[in-house]
């Protein structure tokens, strides 16, 4: 069975379009994810060089934010700060939580509940760099 170059062209174009669409959807999801958070006032201070699940969190100040659900924050900023402190103390996300590292600029992470309910709680944390 032989294939002509002309017969492959639509398939190649389809693959290129599909790849571009995946990239676009990834960028759109990142932007909508960022818009779904309320940044907490002030910052969270990591007092010592620490690790959570092997990810280094150098001593310093970090922005943190809480996701919104139905237009309201899923938890208070105080609760989010307490949760981050518990992760640092345990050296890993506590039961019912998981951690996702964003991009290459560590530590830029999202902690998310593992519940299957529609109200997923997320805490976004990023180091303040000067």
N, C-alpha and C. Protein backbone atom coordinates (compact mmCIF):
# COMPACT_ATOMS: atom_id res chain seq x y z
N UNK A 1 0.85 -1.18 0.00
CA UNK A 1 0.00 0.00 0.00
C UNK A 1 0.89 1.24 0.00
N UNK A 2 0.60 2.18 -0.85
CA UNK A 2 1.41 3.40 -0.94
C UNK A 2 0.60 4.59 -0.47
N UNK A 3 1.31 5.58 0.06
CA UNK A 3 0.69 6.82 0.51
C UNK A 3 1.33 7.97 -0.24
N UNK A 4 0.53 8.86 -0.69
CA UNK A 4 1.08 10.03 -1.35
C UNK A 4 1.31 11.14 -0.34
N UNK A 5 2.22 12.03 -0.65
CA UNK A 5 2.51 13.17 0.22
C UNK A 5 1.26 14.01 0.44
N UNK A 6 0.46 14.17 -0.58
CA UNK A 6 -0.76 14.97 -0.47
C UNK A 6 -1.75 14.39 0.51
N UNK A 7 -1.78 13.07 0.67
CA UNK A 7 -2.71 12.43 1.61
C UNK A 7 -2.28 12.65 3.05
N UNK A 8 -1.01 12.85 3.29
CA UNK A 8 -0.50 13.05 4.64
C UNK A 8 -0.70 14.49 5.13
N UNK A 9 -0.75 15.41 4.21
CA UNK A 9 -0.81 16.83 4.57
C UNK A 9 -1.98 17.15 5.51
N UNK A 10 -3.23 16.69 5.25
CA UNK A 10 -4.31 16.99 6.18
C UNK A 10 -4.06 16.42 7.58
N UNK A 11 -3.46 15.24 7.65
CA UNK A 11 -3.16 14.64 8.95
C UNK A 11 -2.12 15.47 9.70
N UNK A 12 -1.08 15.91 9.00
CA UNK A 12 -0.05 16.74 9.62
C UNK A 12 -0.66 18.05 10.11
N UNK A 13 -1.49 18.67 9.29
CA UNK A 13 -2.14 19.92 9.67
C UNK A 13 -3.04 19.72 10.89
N UNK A 14 -3.73 18.59 10.93
CA UNK A 14 -4.59 18.28 12.07
C UNK A 14 -3.76 18.13 13.35
N UNK A 15 -2.63 17.44 13.25
CA UNK A 15 -1.75 17.26 14.42
C UNK A 15 -1.19 18.61 14.89
N UNK A 16 -0.81 19.47 13.98
CA UNK A 16 -0.29 20.79 14.35
C UNK A 16 -1.39 21.60 15.04
N UNK A 17 -2.59 21.57 14.50
CA UNK A 17 -3.71 22.31 15.10
C UNK A 17 -4.04 21.77 16.48
N UNK A 18 -4.01 20.45 16.64
CA UNK A 18 -4.31 19.85 17.95
C UNK A 18 -3.27 20.23 18.98
N UNK A 19 -2.00 20.23 18.58
CA UNK A 19 -0.92 20.61 19.49
C UNK A 19 -1.07 22.08 19.91
N UNK A 20 -1.38 22.95 18.97
CA UNK A 20 -1.57 24.37 19.28
C UNK A 20 -2.75 24.55 20.23
N UNK A 21 -3.83 23.79 20.03
CA UNK A 21 -5.01 23.90 20.89
C UNK A 21 -4.69 23.46 22.32
N UNK A 22 -3.91 22.39 22.48
CA UNK A 22 -3.53 21.94 23.82
C UNK A 22 -2.73 23.03 24.52
N UNK A 23 -1.79 23.64 23.81
CA UNK A 23 -1.00 24.73 24.40
C UNK A 23 -1.88 25.91 24.79
N UNK A 24 -2.81 26.28 23.94
CA UNK A 24 -3.73 27.38 24.23
C UNK A 24 -4.58 27.07 25.45
N UNK A 25 -5.12 25.86 25.53
CA UNK A 25 -5.97 25.48 26.67
C UNK A 25 -5.17 25.48 27.97
N UNK A 26 -3.91 25.07 27.90
CA UNK A 26 -3.05 25.07 29.08
C UNK A 26 -2.84 26.49 29.59
N UNK A 27 -2.57 27.44 28.69
CA UNK A 27 -2.38 28.84 29.07
C UNK A 27 -3.67 29.42 29.62
N UNK A 28 -4.79 29.13 28.98
CA UNK A 28 -6.09 29.63 29.43
C UNK A 28 -6.43 29.09 30.81
N UNK A 29 -6.12 27.83 31.07
CA UNK A 29 -6.40 27.24 32.38
C UNK A 29 -5.55 27.89 33.45
N UNK A 30 -4.28 28.19 33.13
CA UNK A 30 -3.41 28.87 34.09
C UNK A 30 -3.95 30.24 34.44
N UNK A 31 -4.40 30.99 33.43
CA UNK A 31 -4.92 32.33 33.67
C UNK A 31 -6.20 32.28 34.48
N UNK A 32 -7.11 31.36 34.17
CA UNK A 32 -8.36 31.29 34.92
C UNK A 32 -8.10 30.79 36.33
N UNK A 33 -7.08 29.93 36.50
CA UNK A 33 -6.71 29.44 37.82
C UNK A 33 -6.24 30.61 38.68
N UNK A 34 -5.41 31.50 38.11
CA UNK A 34 -4.90 32.65 38.86
C UNK A 34 -6.03 33.59 39.23
N UNK A 35 -7.02 33.76 38.36
CA UNK A 35 -8.14 34.65 38.63
C UNK A 35 -9.06 34.10 39.69
N UNK A 36 -8.98 32.81 39.96
CA UNK A 36 -9.88 32.18 40.92
C UNK A 36 -9.34 32.23 42.35
N UNK A 37 -8.31 33.01 42.60
CA UNK A 37 -7.70 33.11 43.92
C UNK A 37 -7.82 34.52 44.48
N UNK A 38 -7.98 34.63 45.78
CA UNK A 38 -7.91 35.91 46.49
C UNK A 38 -6.60 35.92 47.27
N UNK A 39 -5.73 36.87 46.95
CA UNK A 39 -4.47 36.97 47.68
C UNK A 39 -4.73 37.44 49.10
N UNK A 40 -4.12 36.77 50.04
CA UNK A 40 -4.28 37.14 51.45
C UNK A 40 -3.40 38.35 51.75
N UNK A 41 -3.86 39.21 52.66
CA UNK A 41 -3.04 40.38 53.00
C UNK A 41 -1.77 39.95 53.73
N UNK A 42 -0.74 40.73 53.58
CA UNK A 42 0.52 40.40 54.25
C UNK A 42 1.23 39.26 53.56
N UNK A 43 1.89 38.42 54.34
CA UNK A 43 2.67 37.32 53.79
C UNK A 43 2.78 36.23 54.84
N UNK A 44 3.26 35.07 54.41
CA UNK A 44 3.55 33.96 55.31
C UNK A 44 5.06 33.89 55.43
N UNK A 45 5.57 33.83 56.65
CA UNK A 45 7.02 33.77 56.85
C UNK A 45 7.45 32.34 57.13
N UNK A 46 8.37 31.84 56.30
CA UNK A 46 9.03 30.56 56.57
C UNK A 46 10.26 30.91 57.38
N UNK A 47 10.30 30.45 58.62
CA UNK A 47 11.33 30.89 59.56
C UNK A 47 12.68 30.20 59.38
N UNK A 48 12.67 28.99 58.85
CA UNK A 48 13.91 28.24 58.62
C UNK A 48 13.84 27.64 57.22
N UNK A 49 14.99 27.30 56.65
CA UNK A 49 14.97 26.57 55.39
C UNK A 49 14.23 25.27 55.63
N UNK A 50 13.21 25.01 54.86
CA UNK A 50 12.34 23.86 55.08
C UNK A 50 12.08 23.12 53.79
N UNK A 51 11.47 21.94 53.92
CA UNK A 51 11.05 21.15 52.76
C UNK A 51 9.66 20.59 53.01
N UNK A 52 8.90 20.54 51.93
CA UNK A 52 7.61 19.85 51.95
C UNK A 52 7.65 18.88 50.79
N UNK A 53 7.58 17.60 51.09
CA UNK A 53 7.64 16.54 50.07
C UNK A 53 8.82 16.72 49.11
N UNK A 54 9.98 17.07 49.67
CA UNK A 54 11.18 17.20 48.86
C UNK A 54 11.36 18.54 48.16
N UNK A 55 10.36 19.41 48.21
CA UNK A 55 10.46 20.74 47.60
C UNK A 55 10.99 21.71 48.65
N UNK A 56 12.09 22.40 48.32
CA UNK A 56 12.70 23.33 49.27
C UNK A 56 11.90 24.62 49.37
N UNK A 57 11.73 25.07 50.60
CA UNK A 57 11.13 26.36 50.89
C UNK A 57 12.15 27.14 51.71
N UNK A 58 12.99 27.94 51.02
CA UNK A 58 14.01 28.71 51.73
C UNK A 58 13.39 29.70 52.72
N UNK A 59 14.13 29.96 53.77
CA UNK A 59 13.70 30.96 54.76
C UNK A 59 13.34 32.24 54.04
N UNK A 60 12.22 32.84 54.41
CA UNK A 60 11.82 34.09 53.78
C UNK A 60 10.32 34.27 53.79
N UNK A 61 9.88 35.30 53.10
CA UNK A 61 8.46 35.66 53.05
C UNK A 61 7.82 35.14 51.77
N UNK A 62 6.55 34.74 51.90
CA UNK A 62 5.81 34.16 50.79
C UNK A 62 4.43 34.79 50.69
N UNK A 63 4.03 35.10 49.45
CA UNK A 63 2.63 35.46 49.22
C UNK A 63 1.82 34.19 49.32
N UNK A 64 0.57 34.31 49.77
CA UNK A 64 -0.31 33.16 49.69
C UNK A 64 -1.72 33.64 49.41
N UNK A 65 -2.48 32.77 48.79
CA UNK A 65 -3.82 33.11 48.34
C UNK A 65 -4.73 31.89 48.50
N UNK A 66 -6.02 32.17 48.59
CA UNK A 66 -7.03 31.12 48.77
C UNK A 66 -7.98 31.16 47.59
N UNK A 67 -8.36 29.97 47.11
CA UNK A 67 -9.26 29.93 45.96
C UNK A 67 -10.68 30.34 46.34
N UNK A 68 -11.44 30.69 45.31
CA UNK A 68 -12.85 31.07 45.49
C UNK A 68 -13.74 29.96 44.94
N UNK A 69 -14.89 29.80 45.54
CA UNK A 69 -15.91 28.87 45.06
C UNK A 69 -17.25 29.56 45.22
N UNK A 70 -17.97 29.69 44.14
CA UNK A 70 -19.25 30.41 44.20
C UNK A 70 -19.07 31.86 44.58
N UNK A 71 -17.92 32.45 44.20
CA UNK A 71 -17.65 33.85 44.49
C UNK A 71 -17.12 34.13 45.88
N UNK A 72 -16.98 33.11 46.71
CA UNK A 72 -16.49 33.29 48.09
C UNK A 72 -15.24 32.44 48.32
N UNK A 73 -14.37 32.93 49.21
CA UNK A 73 -13.19 32.16 49.57
C UNK A 73 -13.61 30.85 50.23
N UNK A 74 -12.86 29.77 49.93
CA UNK A 74 -13.19 28.46 50.50
C UNK A 74 -12.72 28.32 51.95
N UNK A 75 -11.82 29.20 52.38
CA UNK A 75 -11.36 29.22 53.77
C UNK A 75 -10.81 30.61 54.05
N UNK A 76 -10.64 30.93 55.31
CA UNK A 76 -10.09 32.24 55.66
C UNK A 76 -8.58 32.23 55.46
N UNK A 77 -8.00 33.40 55.38
CA UNK A 77 -6.55 33.51 55.25
C UNK A 77 -5.86 32.96 56.50
N UNK A 78 -6.47 33.15 57.65
CA UNK A 78 -5.91 32.61 58.90
C UNK A 78 -5.88 31.09 58.83
N UNK A 79 -6.97 30.47 58.36
CA UNK A 79 -7.00 29.02 58.23
C UNK A 79 -5.94 28.54 57.23
N UNK A 80 -5.77 29.28 56.13
CA UNK A 80 -4.77 28.91 55.12
C UNK A 80 -3.37 28.99 55.71
N UNK A 81 -3.07 30.04 56.47
CA UNK A 81 -1.77 30.17 57.11
C UNK A 81 -1.50 29.04 58.09
N UNK A 82 -2.53 28.67 58.85
CA UNK A 82 -2.40 27.54 59.78
C UNK A 82 -2.14 26.24 59.03
N UNK A 83 -2.79 26.08 57.89
CA UNK A 83 -2.61 24.87 57.09
C UNK A 83 -1.18 24.79 56.54
N UNK A 84 -0.67 25.93 56.03
CA UNK A 84 0.72 25.96 55.53
C UNK A 84 1.69 25.60 56.67
N UNK A 85 1.46 26.15 57.85
CA UNK A 85 2.31 25.84 59.01
C UNK A 85 2.29 24.35 59.31
N UNK A 86 1.11 23.74 59.20
CA UNK A 86 1.00 22.29 59.45
C UNK A 86 1.77 21.49 58.40
N UNK A 87 1.74 21.94 57.13
CA UNK A 87 2.49 21.25 56.07
C UNK A 87 3.98 21.33 56.36
N UNK A 88 4.45 22.53 56.76
CA UNK A 88 5.87 22.71 57.05
C UNK A 88 6.30 21.86 58.24
N UNK A 89 5.47 21.81 59.26
CA UNK A 89 5.79 21.01 60.45
C UNK A 89 5.86 19.53 60.12
N UNK A 90 4.91 19.05 59.31
CA UNK A 90 4.86 17.63 58.96
C UNK A 90 5.87 17.27 57.88
N UNK A 91 6.33 18.27 57.11
CA UNK A 91 7.25 18.00 56.01
C UNK A 91 6.55 17.42 54.79
N UNK A 92 5.24 17.44 54.81
CA UNK A 92 4.44 16.94 53.69
C UNK A 92 3.02 17.48 53.84
N UNK A 93 2.24 17.45 52.76
CA UNK A 93 0.83 17.85 52.93
C UNK A 93 0.14 16.92 53.92
N UNK A 94 -0.67 17.48 54.78
CA UNK A 94 -1.36 16.66 55.77
C UNK A 94 -2.47 15.86 55.10
N UNK A 95 -3.04 14.93 55.83
CA UNK A 95 -4.08 14.05 55.30
C UNK A 95 -5.19 14.86 54.64
N UNK A 96 -5.56 14.43 53.45
CA UNK A 96 -6.62 15.10 52.71
C UNK A 96 -6.14 16.21 51.79
N UNK A 97 -4.82 16.43 51.73
CA UNK A 97 -4.23 17.48 50.89
C UNK A 97 -3.15 16.89 49.99
N UNK A 98 -2.91 17.56 48.86
CA UNK A 98 -1.79 17.21 47.99
C UNK A 98 -1.13 18.50 47.53
N UNK A 99 0.08 18.39 47.00
CA UNK A 99 0.83 19.57 46.57
C UNK A 99 1.14 19.44 45.08
N UNK A 100 1.00 20.55 44.37
CA UNK A 100 1.33 20.60 42.94
C UNK A 100 2.32 21.75 42.74
N UNK A 101 3.48 21.45 42.16
CA UNK A 101 4.50 22.46 41.88
C UNK A 101 4.19 23.08 40.52
N UNK A 102 4.17 24.41 40.47
CA UNK A 102 3.87 25.14 39.23
C UNK A 102 5.16 25.61 38.59
N UNK A 103 5.33 25.35 37.33
CA UNK A 103 6.48 25.87 36.59
C UNK A 103 7.81 25.44 37.17
N UNK A 104 8.84 26.16 36.79
CA UNK A 104 10.20 25.83 37.22
C UNK A 104 10.66 26.69 38.37
N UNK A 105 9.94 27.75 38.67
CA UNK A 105 10.36 28.69 39.73
C UNK A 105 9.90 28.17 41.08
N UNK A 106 10.65 27.24 41.65
CA UNK A 106 10.28 26.69 42.95
C UNK A 106 10.65 27.70 44.01
N UNK A 107 9.99 27.79 45.10
CA UNK A 107 8.72 27.13 45.31
C UNK A 107 7.55 28.02 44.90
N UNK A 108 6.81 27.59 43.95
CA UNK A 108 5.58 28.22 43.49
C UNK A 108 4.61 27.06 43.42
N UNK A 109 3.77 26.92 44.43
CA UNK A 109 2.99 25.69 44.59
C UNK A 109 1.52 25.98 44.86
N UNK A 110 0.72 24.95 44.64
CA UNK A 110 -0.68 24.97 45.05
C UNK A 110 -0.90 23.73 45.91
N UNK A 111 -1.46 23.95 47.07
CA UNK A 111 -1.91 22.85 47.92
C UNK A 111 -3.41 22.72 47.67
N UNK A 112 -3.87 21.49 47.49
CA UNK A 112 -5.27 21.27 47.14
C UNK A 112 -5.83 20.09 47.92
N UNK A 113 -7.09 20.23 48.35
CA UNK A 113 -7.72 19.11 49.03
C UNK A 113 -7.94 17.98 48.03
N UNK A 114 -7.93 16.76 48.52
CA UNK A 114 -8.11 15.60 47.65
C UNK A 114 -9.56 15.11 47.67
N UNK A 115 -10.44 15.88 48.27
CA UNK A 115 -11.85 15.51 48.35
C UNK A 115 -12.46 15.43 46.96
N UNK A 116 -13.43 14.56 46.81
CA UNK A 116 -14.12 14.45 45.53
C UNK A 116 -15.34 15.36 45.48
N UNK A 117 -15.57 16.13 46.54
CA UNK A 117 -16.71 17.05 46.54
C UNK A 117 -16.44 18.20 45.57
N UNK A 118 -17.47 18.93 45.21
CA UNK A 118 -17.30 20.01 44.25
C UNK A 118 -16.59 21.21 44.85
N UNK A 119 -16.56 21.33 46.18
CA UNK A 119 -15.89 22.47 46.84
C UNK A 119 -14.46 22.07 47.21
N UNK A 120 -13.57 22.23 46.25
CA UNK A 120 -12.16 21.92 46.47
C UNK A 120 -11.49 23.16 47.06
N UNK A 121 -10.73 22.97 48.13
CA UNK A 121 -10.00 24.08 48.74
C UNK A 121 -8.57 24.08 48.21
N UNK A 122 -8.08 25.27 47.84
CA UNK A 122 -6.72 25.41 47.33
C UNK A 122 -6.04 26.58 48.02
N UNK A 123 -4.75 26.41 48.26
CA UNK A 123 -3.91 27.48 48.78
C UNK A 123 -2.73 27.62 47.81
N UNK A 124 -2.54 28.81 47.28
CA UNK A 124 -1.43 29.07 46.38
C UNK A 124 -0.36 29.80 47.17
N UNK A 125 0.91 29.41 46.98
CA UNK A 125 2.00 29.98 47.76
C UNK A 125 3.18 30.26 46.82
N UNK A 126 3.74 31.47 46.90
CA UNK A 126 4.87 31.85 46.06
C UNK A 126 5.83 32.72 46.84
N UNK A 127 7.11 32.45 46.71
CA UNK A 127 8.11 33.20 47.43
C UNK A 127 8.19 34.63 46.92
N UNK A 128 8.32 35.57 47.85
CA UNK A 128 8.52 36.98 47.49
C UNK A 128 10.00 37.16 47.20
N UNK A 129 10.31 37.60 46.03
CA UNK A 129 11.72 37.83 45.68
C UNK A 129 11.97 39.32 45.58
N UNK A 130 13.13 39.73 46.02
CA UNK A 130 13.44 41.16 46.00
C UNK A 130 14.33 41.52 44.86
